[in-house]
Amino acid sequence: MKADKVKINRLLKTAAGQMDGIMKMVEEDRYCIDISNQILAVQSILRKANNEILKSHMEMCVKQAFMEGNEEEKIDEIISLLNKVSK
């Protein structure tokens, strides 16, 4: 992985901490909308981490594959990922 590991780890640790908080909120029977808002916040952080990883992948791995003439595999990877995202 070529992405900024410090940044990615910080985002993932933040998401993990928020998940712990969400589980505590559920145990405490907190208000549903508050729990849902926290879940949306975690999803946003995970989306941001994923975007950073994919951006790095495109800038490094995909670019390198095109320069070396091995773009077919990378194109298939991206198409597969886009199919997952669009579901």
C-alpha atoms as a PDB file:
ATOM      1  CA  MET A   1       0.000   0.000   0.000  1.00  0.00           C
ATOM      2  CA  LYS A   2       1.372   3.373  -1.031  1.00  0.00           C
ATOM      3  CA  ALA A   3      -1.149   5.582   0.788  1.00  0.00           C
ATOM      4  CA  ASP A   4      -0.153   7.740   3.755  1.00  0.00           C
ATOM      5  CA  LYS A   5      -0.214   5.056   6.461  1.00  0.00           C
ATOM      6  CA  VAL A   6      -0.211   7.569   9.316  1.00  0.00           C
ATOM      7  CA  LYS A   7      -3.270   9.327   7.903  1.00  0.00           C
ATOM      8  CA  ILE A   8      -5.087   6.069   7.150  1.00  0.00           C
ATOM      9  CA  ASN A   9      -4.336   4.640  10.604  1.00  0.00           C
ATOM     10  CA  ARG A  10      -5.560   7.848  12.256  1.00  0.00           C
ATOM     11  CA  LEU A  11      -8.829   7.673  10.338  1.00  0.00           C
ATOM     12  CA  LEU A  12      -9.321   3.982  11.118  1.00  0.00           C
ATOM     13  CA  LYS A  13      -8.552   4.464  14.815  1.00  0.00           C
ATOM     14  CA  THR A  14     -11.051   7.314  14.928  1.00  0.00           C
ATOM     15  CA  ALA A  15     -13.675   5.095  13.305  1.00  0.00           C
ATOM     16  CA  ALA A  16     -12.898   2.264  15.744  1.00  0.00           C
ATOM     17  CA  GLY A  17     -13.260   4.636  18.691  1.00  0.00           C
ATOM     18  CA  GLN A  18     -16.570   5.873  17.371  1.00  0.00           C
ATOM     19  CA  MET A  19     -17.735   2.281  16.890  1.00  0.00           C
ATOM     20  CA  ASP A  20     -16.941   1.579  20.536  1.00  0.00           C
ATOM     21  CA  GLY A  21     -19.022   4.620  21.439  1.00  0.00           C
ATOM     22  CA  ILE A  22     -21.898   3.437  19.268  1.00  0.00           C
ATOM     23  CA  MET A  23     -21.909   0.026  20.923  1.00  0.00           C
ATOM     24  CA  LYS A  24     -22.024   1.739  24.320  1.00  0.00           C
ATOM     25  CA  MET A  25     -24.915   3.917  23.119  1.00  0.00           C
ATOM     26  CA  VAL A  26     -26.825   0.799  22.063  1.00  0.00           C
ATOM     27  CA  GLU A  27     -26.185  -0.850  25.439  1.00  0.00           C
ATOM     28  CA  GLU A  28     -27.445   2.283  27.175  1.00  0.00           C
ATOM     29  CA  ASP A  29     -30.612   2.382  25.030  1.00  0.00           C
ATOM     30  CA  ARG A  30     -29.776   5.860  23.752  1.00  0.00           C
ATOM     31  CA  TYR A  31     -32.006   7.731  21.321  1.00  0.00           C
ATOM     32  CA  CYS A  32     -32.162   5.992  17.921  1.00  0.00           C
ATOM     33  CA  ILE A  33     -31.453   9.135  15.886  1.00  0.00           C
ATOM     34  CA  ASP A  34     -28.326   9.857  17.933  1.00  0.00           C
ATOM     35  CA  ILE A  35     -27.079   6.320  17.287  1.00  0.00           C
ATOM     36  CA  SER A  36     -27.883   6.614  13.594  1.00  0.00           C
ATOM     37  CA  ASN A  37     -26.017   9.930  13.357  1.00  0.00           C
ATOM     38  CA  GLN A  38     -22.942   8.314  14.881  1.00  0.00           C
ATOM     39  CA  ILE A  39     -23.161   5.404  12.442  1.00  0.00           C
ATOM     40  CA  LEU A  40     -23.302   7.886   9.561  1.00  0.00           C
ATOM     41  CA  ALA A  41     -20.222   9.627  10.972  1.00  0.00           C
ATOM     42  CA  VAL A  42     -18.295   6.338  11.028  1.00  0.00           C
ATOM     43  CA  GLN A  43     -19.366   5.566   7.472  1.00  0.00           C
ATOM     44  CA  SER A  44     -18.089   8.977   6.412  1.00  0.00           C
ATOM     45  CA  ILE A  45     -14.692   8.370   8.023  1.00  0.00           C
ATOM     46  CA  LEU A  46     -14.403   4.927   6.432  1.00  0.00           C
ATOM     47  CA  ARG A  47     -15.365   6.388   3.052  1.00  0.00           C
ATOM     48  CA  LYS A  48     -12.657   9.036   3.479  1.00  0.00           C
ATOM     49  CA  ALA A  49     -10.042   6.387   4.362  1.00  0.00           C
ATOM     50  CA  ASN A  50     -11.084   4.275   1.380  1.00  0.00           C
ATOM     51  CA  ASN A  51     -10.911   7.283  -0.940  1.00  0.00           C
ATOM     52  CA  GLU A  52      -7.363   8.040   0.243  1.00  0.00           C
ATOM     53  CA  ILE A  53      -6.299   4.445  -0.382  1.00  0.00           C
ATOM     54  CA  LEU A  54      -7.922   4.348  -3.831  1.00  0.00           C
ATOM     55  CA  LYS A  55      -6.456   7.726  -4.801  1.00  0.00           C
ATOM     56  CA  SER A  56      -2.996   6.453  -3.939  1.00  0.00           C
ATOM     57  CA  HIS A  57      -3.655   3.220  -5.835  1.00  0.00           C
ATOM     58  CA  MET A  58      -4.641   5.168  -8.944  1.00  0.00           C
ATOM     59  CA  GLU A  59      -1.685   7.545  -8.686  1.00  0.00           C
ATOM     60  CA  MET A  60       0.878   4.804  -8.126  1.00  0.00           C
ATOM     61  CA  CYS A  61      -0.148   1.262  -9.047  1.00  0.00           C
ATOM     62  CA  VAL A  62      -2.507   2.000 -11.918  1.00  0.00           C
ATOM     63  CA  LYS A  63      -0.228   4.639 -13.388  1.00  0.00           C
ATOM     64  CA  GLN A  64       2.722   2.236 -13.207  1.00  0.00           C
ATOM     65  CA  ALA A  65       0.719  -0.573 -14.834  1.00  0.00           C
ATOM     66  CA  PHE A  66      -0.168   1.713 -17.752  1.00  0.00           C
ATOM     67  CA  MET A  67       3.447   2.764 -18.171  1.00  0.00           C
ATOM     68  CA  GLU A  68       4.512  -0.889 -18.256  1.00  0.00           C
ATOM     69  CA  GLY A  69       1.729  -1.946 -20.618  1.00  0.00           C
ATOM     70  CA  ASN A  70      -0.034  -4.090 -17.985  1.00  0.00           C
ATOM     71  CA  GLU A  71      -3.183  -2.011 -17.741  1.00  0.00           C
ATOM     72  CA  GLU A  72      -5.789  -4.749 -18.391  1.00  0.00           C
ATOM     73  CA  GLU A  73      -5.574  -6.231 -14.877  1.00  0.00           C
ATOM     74  CA  LYS A  74      -5.796  -2.810 -13.237  1.00  0.00           C
ATOM     75  CA  ILE A  75      -8.745  -1.810 -15.410  1.00  0.00           C
ATOM     76  CA  ASP A  76     -10.541  -5.019 -14.378  1.00  0.00           C
ATOM     77  CA  GLU A  77      -9.803  -4.251 -10.698  1.00  0.00           C
ATOM     78  CA  ILE A  78     -11.261  -0.760 -10.988  1.00  0.00           C
ATOM     79  CA  ILE A  79     -14.357  -2.001 -12.823  1.00  0.00           C
ATOM     80  CA  SER A  80     -14.903  -4.668 -10.169  1.00  0.00           C
ATOM     81  CA  LEU A  81     -14.551  -2.083  -7.419  1.00  0.00           C
ATOM     82  CA  LEU A  82     -16.941   0.319  -9.144  1.00  0.00           C
ATOM     83  CA  ASN A  83     -19.481  -2.479  -9.402  1.00  0.00           C
ATOM     84  CA  LYS A  84     -19.224  -3.038  -5.635  1.00  0.00           C
ATOM     85  CA  VAL A  85     -19.555   0.658  -4.877  1.00  0.00           C
ATOM     86  CA  SER A  86     -22.589   1.100  -7.111  1.00  0.00           C
ATOM     87  CA  LYS A  87     -24.615  -1.654  -5.392  1.00  0.00           C
END
